[in-house]
Structure formats: structure tokens, C-alpha cells
Amino acid sequence: MKDWALILGVSSGFGAAAAKELAKNNINIYGVHLDRKSAMKNITLLKDELKENNVDIIFKNASATDENTRLEVIKELKNIGKIRVKIFLHSLAFGALKPVFDQTLNSSLNQKQIEMTLNVMASSLIYWSQDLFQTKLIKNGSQIFAMTSSGGHRQWKAYGAVSAAKAALESYCRQIAIELGQYNIACNALQAGVTDTPALRKIPGNDIMIENSLKINPSKRLTTPADLASIISLIGLSEETWMTGNTIRVDGGEDITG
């Protein structure tokens, strides 16, 4: 039985770093990403780097929140035959970054934007996990990870919808953990510290967030995607599933520093 990692959001940031680390450990990679044509050169370079580890690599450029995409990916994985999705990483970073209250309705969050953000950054975890379980692609020893942040319990202007999604994501992880624990399948949220990724750069005031993090982090540096990839590999490659339902800080002590 071959082990695979299914990574949603594989083309950059945490997803790309995790793919590199897991491929080095002989894990085959199925990555879903949504990118424009201009990004394809870098994605091709990533695929070539992963293939140097003599593992199987499949990338799909499509929306991970689209039901047809999800069903196609599940079918393709199932058709490979005799595999286990050892690691499922949910690392989707696309949400509405607007204040809840602003001077005009157009500059404030609306219902469609809030629901979209919750669907992409939280609820999609449930839909993918359900299909992976029903098709027996995740099974004894599988590990599910979802990327969260301190935004799940802290607020910044223009971060309201994403913050709500992160809180929901963490709750979903706990629910998955208690329901799949009997099958020896673990699920944990990983709370990264402030990390200089394309997703962070889209947040208004990200320069202030970076500056503050460098001041308070005990190591006086930002978290890196490689930091998260190391933890995903460490936990994900283990067959031990007793550690489950947690929100695990991977931030060098940043979130607990006063």
C-alpha cells in the first residue's frame, strides 16, 4: 500500500513547503491549487523539485471548493489503487478582507463574502474529509491537518470574516477528531506564527504584524513555512493518532509572549 499526501493549496507557502518535506520522506503528493497562467512556471519548478525524490506527483489547477473538483480528485486517487492518504493538509488561504462596519455598504463585508470565506477556509475541510473517509482513502494511521492562526482568537480590522473562519476551522478539527478517533484517524489544527507568505501580504497592516512579531517572538524571527513543514512531517509520518483534536502552536512561543 502506497502512502500519499493530499495537499489543498500546494503551490506556495505552507502547502509547497509541506510537499517538499513529505516528498523527501517518500510520500507521494497529490496537490490542488488555483493559479493564473503567470504562476505556472514556478509551479512547474516545484513539481520538478518534488520528482527528484522519485515519488509520484499529481497536481490539479482547479478550485478546491468546487464539488466537481473534489469528486474528480477523490476518483483519481481511488483509481490509483491500494493507497492510503496518510496526510491530508488543508491550507486554503482565500477570504474577504474587509471591515464589518465601514462608511459605505460597498466597502463593508456582505453576506456573500462572509459565506464564501467560511466555505473556503473552514467548511471545505469537512466536505473533503467526509469524501476521503467514505471512500476509505483515509484510514488507520491517517493524519488530517488544517492551517489556522492566532486570528482564530484575536481580531484585526478587516480580518473579521477570516477570523470567524479560523475559529470555525478549529471547531471542525475537534469534531472530526472525536468522530474519527475510533478509526485511529487524527485531526489537528496547526497555528502558525506570523509568516511572510503571499497570503499574509494581502492582509491590511501586514507590515505592522511583521514588525510586532519580530519584537515579541522569543527567537526574534518570523515563523517560516519550513517550520510548519517539519512539524507536519514529524506528526504526519507517525502511526500514532492519540494526539488529536488540538490546536497546536507552531510559532516559537510568539502567541504566549506578553
C-alpha atoms as a PDB file:
ATOM      1  CA  MET A   1       0.000   0.000   0.000  1.00  0.00           C
ATOM      2  CA  LYS A   2       1.424   3.357  -1.064  1.00  0.00           C
ATOM      3  CA  ASP A   3       1.135   6.406   1.154  1.00  0.00           C
ATOM      4  CA  TRP A   4       0.058   9.719  -0.342  1.00  0.00           C
ATOM      5  CA  ALA A   5      -0.342  13.267   0.916  1.00  0.00           C
ATOM      6  CA  LEU A   6      -3.289  15.278  -0.344  1.00  0.00           C
ATOM      7  CA  ILE A   7      -2.479  18.984  -0.092  1.00  0.00           C
ATOM      8  CA  LEU A   8      -5.032  21.714  -0.750  1.00  0.00           C
ATOM      9  CA  GLY A   9      -3.130  24.900  -1.522  1.00  0.00           C
ATOM     10  CA  VAL A  10       0.064  23.209  -2.698  1.00  0.00           C
ATOM     11  CA  SER A  11       1.543  25.907  -4.924  1.00  0.00           C
ATOM     12  CA  SER A  12       3.015  28.259  -2.312  1.00  0.00           C
ATOM     13  CA  GLY A  13       3.537  28.933   1.379  1.00  0.00           C
ATOM     14  CA  PHE A  14       2.790  26.128   3.825  1.00  0.00           C
ATOM     15  CA  GLY A  15       1.443  23.775   1.164  1.00  0.00           C
ATOM     16  CA  ALA A  16       4.546  23.947  -1.012  1.00  0.00           C
ATOM     17  CA  ALA A  17       6.885  23.581   1.967  1.00  0.00           C
ATOM     18  CA  ALA A  18       4.954  20.559   3.230  1.00  0.00           C
ATOM     19  CA  ALA A  19       5.051  18.943  -0.208  1.00  0.00           C
ATOM     20  CA  LYS A  20       8.840  19.333  -0.362  1.00  0.00           C
ATOM     21  CA  GLU A  21       9.371  17.885   3.111  1.00  0.00           C
ATOM     22  CA  LEU A  22       6.999  14.962   2.636  1.00  0.00           C
ATOM     23  CA  ALA A  23       8.392  14.071  -0.790  1.00  0.00           C
ATOM     24  CA  LYS A  24      11.836  13.820   0.810  1.00  0.00           C
ATOM     25  CA  ASN A  25      10.289  11.221   3.110  1.00  0.00           C
ATOM     26  CA  ASN A  26       8.975   9.092   0.241  1.00  0.00           C
ATOM     27  CA  ILE A  27       5.388  10.320   0.391  1.00  0.00           C
ATOM     28  CA  ASN A  28       3.623  10.666  -2.959  1.00  0.00           C
ATOM     29  CA  ILE A  29       1.965  14.049  -3.473  1.00  0.00           C
ATOM     30  CA  TYR A  30      -1.424  14.998  -4.877  1.00  0.00           C
ATOM     31  CA  GLY A  31      -1.690  18.783  -4.831  1.00  0.00           C
ATOM     32  CA  VAL A  32      -4.645  21.023  -5.605  1.00  0.00           C
ATOM     33  CA  HIS A  33      -4.045  24.692  -6.352  1.00  0.00           C
ATOM     34  CA  LEU A  34      -5.777  27.580  -8.105  1.00  0.00           C
ATOM     35  CA  ASP A  35      -3.363  29.793 -10.005  1.00  0.00           C
ATOM     36  CA  ARG A  36      -3.209  32.005 -13.068  1.00  0.00           C
ATOM     37  CA  LYS A  37      -1.105  31.172 -16.109  1.00  0.00           C
ATOM     38  CA  SER A  38       1.608  33.564 -14.922  1.00  0.00           C
ATOM     39  CA  ALA A  39       2.303  31.301 -11.941  1.00  0.00           C
ATOM     40  CA  MET A  40       2.692  28.106 -13.938  1.00  0.00           C
ATOM     41  CA  LYS A  41       6.458  28.431 -14.386  1.00  0.00           C
ATOM     42  CA  ASN A  42       7.055  28.377 -10.624  1.00  0.00           C
ATOM     43  CA  ILE A  43       4.601  25.514 -10.199  1.00  0.00           C
ATOM     44  CA  THR A  44       6.423  23.501 -12.854  1.00  0.00           C
ATOM     45  CA  LEU A  45       9.684  24.125 -10.997  1.00  0.00           C
ATOM     46  CA  LEU A  46       8.052  22.905  -7.776  1.00  0.00           C
ATOM     47  CA  LYS A  47       6.826  19.723  -9.459  1.00  0.00           C
ATOM     48  CA  ASP A  48      10.274  19.069 -10.924  1.00  0.00           C
ATOM     49  CA  GLU A  49      11.862  19.512  -7.495  1.00  0.00           C
ATOM     50  CA  LEU A  50       9.409  17.070  -5.943  1.00  0.00           C
ATOM     51  CA  LYS A  51      10.003  14.478  -8.668  1.00  0.00           C
ATOM     52  CA  GLU A  52      13.708  14.424  -7.802  1.00  0.00           C
ATOM     53  CA  ASN A  53      12.690  12.337  -4.771  1.00  0.00           C
ATOM     54  CA  ASN A  54      11.400   9.522  -7.011  1.00  0.00           C
ATOM     55  CA  VAL A  55       7.824   9.846  -5.798  1.00  0.00           C
ATOM     56  CA  ASP A  56       4.607  10.167  -7.781  1.00  0.00           C
ATOM     57  CA  ILE A  57       3.362  13.728  -8.249  1.00  0.00           C
ATOM     58  CA  ILE A  58      -0.085  14.830  -9.432  1.00  0.00           C
ATOM     59  CA  PHE A  59      -1.135  18.486  -9.478  1.00  0.00           C
ATOM     60  CA  LYS A  60      -4.570  19.829 -10.388  1.00  0.00           C
ATOM     61  CA  ASN A  61      -5.139  23.517 -11.110  1.00  0.00           C
ATOM     62  CA  ALA A  62      -8.754  23.955 -10.012  1.00  0.00           C
ATOM     63  CA  SER A  63     -10.828  25.346  -7.170  1.00  0.00           C
ATOM     64  CA  ALA A  64     -10.664  23.053  -4.145  1.00  0.00           C
ATOM     65  CA  THR A  65     -14.073  24.326  -3.038  1.00  0.00           C
ATOM     66  CA  ASP A  66     -15.801  23.191  -6.222  1.00  0.00           C
ATOM     67  CA  GLU A  67     -17.714  19.953  -5.708  1.00  0.00           C
ATOM     68  CA  ASN A  68     -16.831  18.601  -9.147  1.00  0.00           C
ATOM     69  CA  THR A  69     -13.139  19.219  -8.492  1.00  0.00           C
ATOM     70  CA  ARG A  70     -13.366  17.418  -5.176  1.00  0.00           C
ATOM     71  CA  LEU A  71     -15.115  14.407  -6.671  1.00  0.00           C
ATOM     72  CA  GLU A  72     -12.627  14.244  -9.562  1.00  0.00           C
ATOM     73  CA  VAL A  73      -9.668  14.266  -7.180  1.00  0.00           C
ATOM     74  CA  ILE A  74     -11.220  11.585  -4.979  1.00  0.00           C
ATOM     75  CA  LYS A  75     -11.906   9.424  -8.048  1.00  0.00           C
ATOM     76  CA  GLU A  76      -8.363   9.847  -9.371  1.00  0.00           C
ATOM     77  CA  LEU A  77      -6.864   8.896  -6.016  1.00  0.00           C
ATOM     78  CA  LYS A  78      -9.170   5.908  -5.706  1.00  0.00           C
ATOM     79  CA  ASN A  79      -8.285   4.733  -9.213  1.00  0.00           C
ATOM     80  CA  ILE A  80      -4.583   4.610  -8.345  1.00  0.00           C
ATOM     81  CA  GLY A  81      -5.431   1.587  -6.232  1.00  0.00           C
ATOM     82  CA  LYS A  82      -4.064   0.255  -2.949  1.00  0.00           C
ATOM     83  CA  ILE A  83      -3.193   3.620  -1.442  1.00  0.00           C
ATOM     84  CA  ARG A  84      -3.703   5.434   1.825  1.00  0.00           C
ATOM     85  CA  VAL A  85      -3.979   9.190   2.128  1.00  0.00           C
ATOM     86  CA  LYS A  86      -1.576   9.249   5.051  1.00  0.00           C
ATOM     87  CA  ILE A  87      -1.647  13.036   5.326  1.00  0.00           C
ATOM     88  CA  PHE A  88      -4.425  15.413   4.340  1.00  0.00           C
ATOM     89  CA  LEU A  89      -3.401  19.071   4.613  1.00  0.00           C
ATOM     90  CA  HIS A  90      -5.998  21.830   4.316  1.00  0.00           C
ATOM     91  CA  SER A  91      -4.088  25.035   3.571  1.00  0.00           C
ATOM     92  CA  LEU A  92      -6.530  27.258   1.704  1.00  0.00           C
ATOM     93  CA  ALA A  93      -5.959  30.979   2.156  1.00  0.00           C
ATOM     94  CA  PHE A  94      -8.599  32.906   0.285  1.00  0.00           C
ATOM     95  CA  GLY A  95     -11.091  35.134   2.058  1.00  0.00           C
ATOM     96  CA  ALA A  96     -12.682  38.560   2.103  1.00  0.00           C
ATOM     97  CA  LEU A  97     -10.523  41.159   3.844  1.00  0.00           C
ATOM     98  CA  LYS A  98     -12.913  43.994   4.654  1.00  0.00           C
ATOM     99  CA  PRO A  99     -14.184  45.572   7.867  1.00  0.00           C
ATOM    100  CA  VAL A 100     -17.606  44.538   9.106  1.00  0.00           C
ATOM    101  CA  PHE A 101     -18.561  48.194   9.503  1.00  0.00           C
ATOM    102  CA  ASP A 102     -17.377  50.925   7.158  1.00  0.00           C
ATOM    103  CA  GLN A 103     -18.685  54.191   5.759  1.00  0.00           C
ATOM    104  CA  THR A 104     -20.453  52.520   2.830  1.00  0.00           C
ATOM    105  CA  LEU A 105     -22.040  49.140   2.194  1.00  0.00           C
ATOM    106  CA  ASN A 106     -19.691  48.521  -0.733  1.00  0.00           C
ATOM    107  CA  SER A 107     -16.632  48.838   1.492  1.00  0.00           C
ATOM    108  CA  SER A 108     -18.124  46.637   4.238  1.00  0.00           C
ATOM    109  CA  LEU A 109     -18.382  42.856   4.383  1.00  0.00           C
ATOM    110  CA  ASN A 110     -21.545  41.497   2.838  1.00  0.00           C
ATOM    111  CA  GLN A 111     -23.324  38.183   3.247  1.00  0.00           C
ATOM    112  CA  LYS A 112     -21.895  36.635   0.091  1.00  0.00           C
ATOM    113  CA  GLN A 113     -18.311  37.484   1.100  1.00  0.00           C
ATOM    114  CA  ILE A 114     -18.742  36.131   4.627  1.00  0.00           C
ATOM    115  CA  GLU A 115     -20.281  32.881   3.410  1.00  0.00           C
ATOM    116  CA  MET A 116     -17.583  32.479   0.742  1.00  0.00           C
ATOM    117  CA  THR A 117     -14.817  32.953   3.307  1.00  0.00           C
ATOM    118  CA  LEU A 118     -16.334  30.434   5.704  1.00  0.00           C
ATOM    119  CA  ASN A 119     -16.800  27.921   2.898  1.00  0.00           C
ATOM    120  CA  VAL A 120     -13.261  28.203   1.522  1.00  0.00           C
ATOM    121  CA  MET A 121     -11.327  28.475   4.768  1.00  0.00           C
ATOM    122  CA  ALA A 122     -13.409  26.250   7.048  1.00  0.00           C
ATOM    123  CA  SER A 123     -16.350  24.207   5.768  1.00  0.00           C
ATOM    124  CA  SER A 124     -14.432  22.763   2.818  1.00  0.00           C
ATOM    125  CA  LEU A 125     -12.366  20.812   5.364  1.00  0.00           C
ATOM    126  CA  ILE A 126     -15.494  18.892   6.334  1.00  0.00           C
ATOM    127  CA  TYR A 127     -16.564  18.120   2.773  1.00  0.00           C
ATOM    128  CA  TRP A 128     -13.140  16.796   1.784  1.00  0.00           C
ATOM    129  CA  SER A 129     -12.764  14.782   4.989  1.00  0.00           C
ATOM    130  CA  GLN A 130     -16.198  13.214   4.529  1.00  0.00           C
ATOM    131  CA  ASP A 131     -15.424  12.059   0.991  1.00  0.00           C
ATOM    132  CA  LEU A 132     -11.972  10.791   1.923  1.00  0.00           C
ATOM    133  CA  PHE A 133     -13.492   8.773   4.764  1.00  0.00           C
ATOM    134  CA  GLN A 134     -16.417   7.382   2.784  1.00  0.00           C
ATOM    135  CA  THR A 135     -14.068   6.180   0.035  1.00  0.00           C
ATOM    136  CA  LYS A 136     -11.697   4.690   2.631  1.00  0.00           C
ATOM    137  CA  LEU A 137      -8.793   6.793   1.383  1.00  0.00           C
ATOM    138  CA  ILE A 138      -8.141   7.979   4.923  1.00  0.00           C
ATOM    139  CA  LYS A 139      -7.879   5.042   7.250  1.00  0.00           C
ATOM    140  CA  ASN A 140      -5.989   3.661  10.239  1.00  0.00           C
ATOM    141  CA  GLY A 141      -2.981   5.934  10.888  1.00  0.00           C
ATOM    142  CA  SER A 142      -4.054   8.834   8.674  1.00  0.00           C
ATOM    143  CA  GLN A 143      -3.422  12.383   9.889  1.00  0.00           C
ATOM    144  CA  ILE A 144      -5.522  15.429   8.987  1.00  0.00           C
ATOM    145  CA  PHE A 145      -4.069  18.929   9.397  1.00  0.00           C
ATOM    146  CA  ALA A 146      -5.699  22.326   8.924  1.00  0.00           C
ATOM    147  CA  MET A 147      -3.833  25.624   8.928  1.00  0.00           C
ATOM    148  CA  THR A 148      -5.092  28.198  11.414  1.00  0.00           C
ATOM    149  CA  SER A 149      -3.608  31.297  13.037  1.00  0.00           C
ATOM    150  CA  SER A 150      -3.916  33.437  16.143  1.00  0.00           C
ATOM    151  CA  GLY A 151      -6.702  35.142  14.195  1.00  0.00           C
ATOM    152  CA  GLY A 152      -8.919  32.339  15.456  1.00  0.00           C
ATOM    153  CA  HIS A 153      -8.976  34.054  18.843  1.00  0.00           C
ATOM    154  CA  ARG A 154      -7.740  37.576  18.066  1.00  0.00           C
ATOM    155  CA  GLN A 155      -9.200  40.365  15.992  1.00  0.00           C
ATOM    156  CA  TRP A 156      -7.712  42.817  13.499  1.00  0.00           C
ATOM    157  CA  LYS A 157      -9.518  45.368  11.406  1.00  0.00           C
ATOM    158  CA  ALA A 158     -10.618  43.911   8.067  1.00  0.00           C
ATOM    159  CA  TYR A 159      -9.971  40.362   9.364  1.00  0.00           C
ATOM    160  CA  GLY A 160     -13.443  39.613  10.732  1.00  0.00           C
ATOM    161  CA  ALA A 161     -14.575  37.076   8.145  1.00  0.00           C
ATOM    162  CA  VAL A 162     -11.243  35.241   8.134  1.00  0.00           C
ATOM    163  CA  SER A 163     -11.111  35.258  11.934  1.00  0.00           C
ATOM    164  CA  ALA A 164     -14.566  33.678  12.094  1.00  0.00           C
ATOM    165  CA  ALA A 165     -13.484  31.086   9.537  1.00  0.00           C
ATOM    166  CA  LYS A 166     -10.370  30.207  11.544  1.00  0.00           C
ATOM    167  CA  ALA A 167     -12.443  29.760  14.708  1.00  0.00           C
ATOM    168  CA  ALA A 168     -14.864  27.531  12.798  1.00  0.00           C
ATOM    169  CA  LEU A 169     -11.968  25.575  11.291  1.00  0.00           C
ATOM    170  CA  GLU A 170     -10.574  24.807  14.736  1.00  0.00           C
ATOM    171  CA  SER A 171     -14.017  23.664  15.886  1.00  0.00           C
ATOM    172  CA  TYR A 172     -14.335  21.426  12.840  1.00  0.00           C
ATOM    173  CA  CYS A 173     -10.964  19.863  13.664  1.00  0.00           C
ATOM    174  CA  ARG A 174     -12.202  18.973  17.140  1.00  0.00           C
ATOM    175  CA  GLN A 175     -15.392  17.492  15.698  1.00  0.00           C
ATOM    176  CA  ILE A 176     -13.504  15.421  13.144  1.00  0.00           C
ATOM    177  CA  ALA A 177     -11.186  14.233  15.912  1.00  0.00           C
ATOM    178  CA  ILE A 178     -13.957  12.898  18.142  1.00  0.00           C
ATOM    179  CA  GLU A 179     -15.832  11.231  15.301  1.00  0.00           C
ATOM    180  CA  LEU A 180     -12.853   9.629  13.550  1.00  0.00           C
ATOM    181  CA  GLY A 181     -10.857   8.760  16.658  1.00  0.00           C
ATOM    182  CA  GLN A 182     -12.439   5.303  16.793  1.00  0.00           C
ATOM    183  CA  TYR A 183     -10.898   4.616  13.379  1.00  0.00           C
ATOM    184  CA  ASN A 184      -7.428   5.736  14.518  1.00  0.00           C
ATOM    185  CA  ILE A 185      -7.560   8.830  12.318  1.00  0.00           C
ATOM    186  CA  ALA A 186      -6.232  12.029  13.908  1.00  0.00           C
ATOM    187  CA  CYS A 187      -7.089  15.635  13.139  1.00  0.00           C
ATOM    188  CA  ASN A 188      -5.269  18.703  14.437  1.00  0.00           C
ATOM    189  CA  ALA A 189      -5.200  22.404  13.610  1.00  0.00           C
ATOM    190  CA  LEU A 190      -1.742  23.944  13.267  1.00  0.00           C
ATOM    191  CA  GLN A 191      -1.497  27.543  14.444  1.00  0.00           C
ATOM    192  CA  ALA A 192       1.386  29.154  12.620  1.00  0.00           C
ATOM    193  CA  GLY A 193       3.047  32.274  13.888  1.00  0.00           C
ATOM    194  CA  VAL A 194       3.280  35.328  11.653  1.00  0.00           C
ATOM    195  CA  THR A 195       4.764  34.005   8.411  1.00  0.00           C
ATOM    196  CA  ASP A 196       5.787  36.062   5.406  1.00  0.00           C
ATOM    197  CA  THR A 197       3.678  34.359   2.735  1.00  0.00           C
ATOM    198  CA  PRO A 198       1.625  35.658  -0.201  1.00  0.00           C
ATOM    199  CA  ALA A 199      -1.471  35.241   1.990  1.00  0.00           C
ATOM    200  CA  LEU A 200      -0.048  37.458   4.753  1.00  0.00           C
ATOM    201  CA  ARG A 201       0.869  40.176   2.268  1.00  0.00           C
ATOM    202  CA  LYS A 202      -2.802  40.530   1.345  1.00  0.00           C
ATOM    203  CA  ILE A 203      -3.836  41.426   4.905  1.00  0.00           C
ATOM    204  CA  PRO A 204      -4.122  45.185   5.512  1.00  0.00           C
ATOM    205  CA  GLY A 205      -1.499  46.235   8.055  1.00  0.00           C
ATOM    206  CA  ASN A 206       0.675  43.171   7.472  1.00  0.00           C
ATOM    207  CA  ASP A 207       3.811  45.296   7.840  1.00  0.00           C
ATOM    208  CA  ILE A 208       2.781  46.155  11.401  1.00  0.00           C
ATOM    209  CA  MET A 209       2.051  42.490  12.140  1.00  0.00           C
ATOM    210  CA  ILE A 210       5.529  41.533  10.924  1.00  0.00           C
ATOM    211  CA  GLU A 211       7.175  44.292  12.953  1.00  0.00           C
ATOM    212  CA  ASN A 212       5.330  43.329  16.146  1.00  0.00           C
ATOM    213  CA  SER A 213       6.096  39.650  15.684  1.00  0.00           C
ATOM    214  CA  LEU A 214       9.817  40.317  15.317  1.00  0.00           C
ATOM    215  CA  LYS A 215       9.706  42.279  18.569  1.00  0.00           C
ATOM    216  CA  ILE A 216       7.820  39.784  20.735  1.00  0.00           C
ATOM    217  CA  ASN A 217       8.896  36.420  19.352  1.00  0.00           C
ATOM    218  CA  PRO A 218      11.457  34.899  21.753  1.00  0.00           C
ATOM    219  CA  SER A 219      13.628  33.923  18.778  1.00  0.00           C
ATOM    220  CA  LYS A 220      13.316  37.395  17.204  1.00  0.00           C
ATOM    221  CA  ARG A 221      12.336  35.971  13.849  1.00  0.00           C
ATOM    222  CA  LEU A 222       9.207  35.143  11.902  1.00  0.00           C
ATOM    223  CA  THR A 223       7.808  31.662  11.525  1.00  0.00           C
ATOM    224  CA  THR A 224       8.707  30.085   8.176  1.00  0.00           C
ATOM    225  CA  PRO A 225       6.794  27.608   6.018  1.00  0.00           C
ATOM    226  CA  ALA A 226       9.664  25.179   6.642  1.00  0.00           C
ATOM    227  CA  ASP A 227       8.936  25.321  10.394  1.00  0.00           C
ATOM    228  CA  LEU A 228       5.421  24.084   9.729  1.00  0.00           C
ATOM    229  CA  ALA A 229       6.567  21.509   7.191  1.00  0.00           C
ATOM    230  CA  SER A 230       8.878  19.942   9.774  1.00  0.00           C
ATOM    231  CA  ILE A 231       6.016  19.550  12.245  1.00  0.00           C
ATOM    232  CA  ILE A 232       3.653  18.184   9.593  1.00  0.00           C
ATOM    233  CA  SER A 233       6.287  15.612   8.685  1.00  0.00           C
ATOM    234  CA  LEU A 234       7.076  14.760  12.304  1.00  0.00           C
ATOM    235  CA  ILE A 235       3.459  14.142  13.272  1.00  0.00           C
ATOM    236  CA  GLY A 236       2.104  13.107   9.893  1.00  0.00           C
ATOM    237  CA  LEU A 237       4.536  10.270   9.283  1.00  0.00           C
ATOM    238  CA  SER A 238       3.788   8.758  12.679  1.00  0.00           C
ATOM    239  CA  GLU A 239       1.214   5.993  13.016  1.00  0.00           C
ATOM    240  CA  GLU A 240       0.327   7.347  16.464  1.00  0.00           C
ATOM    241  CA  THR A 241      -3.087   9.060  16.436  1.00  0.00           C
ATOM    242  CA  TRP A 242      -3.636   9.605  20.165  1.00  0.00           C
ATOM    243  CA  MET A 243      -2.726  13.288  19.842  1.00  0.00           C
ATOM    244  CA  THR A 244      -5.847  14.620  18.189  1.00  0.00           C
ATOM    245  CA  GLY A 245      -8.358  17.459  18.391  1.00  0.00           C
ATOM    246  CA  ASN A 246      -5.740  20.045  19.276  1.00  0.00           C
ATOM    247  CA  THR A 247      -4.812  23.481  18.051  1.00  0.00           C
ATOM    248  CA  ILE A 248      -1.027  23.170  18.067  1.00  0.00           C
ATOM    249  CA  ARG A 249       1.033  26.360  18.178  1.00  0.00           C
ATOM    250  CA  VAL A 250       3.981  26.323  15.796  1.00  0.00           C
ATOM    251  CA  ASP A 251       5.279  29.817  16.421  1.00  0.00           C
ATOM    252  CA  GLY A 252       8.369  29.689  18.637  1.00  0.00           C
ATOM    253  CA  GLY A 253       6.340  30.930  21.613  1.00  0.00           C
ATOM    254  CA  GLU A 254       5.016  34.025  19.844  1.00  0.00           C
ATOM    255  CA  ASP A 255       1.371  33.661  20.868  1.00  0.00           C
ATOM    256  CA  ILE A 256       2.085  33.185  24.572  1.00  0.00           C
ATOM    257  CA  THR A 257       4.505  36.100  24.868  1.00  0.00           C
ATOM    258  CA  GLY A 258       3.134  39.033  26.842  1.00  0.00           C
END
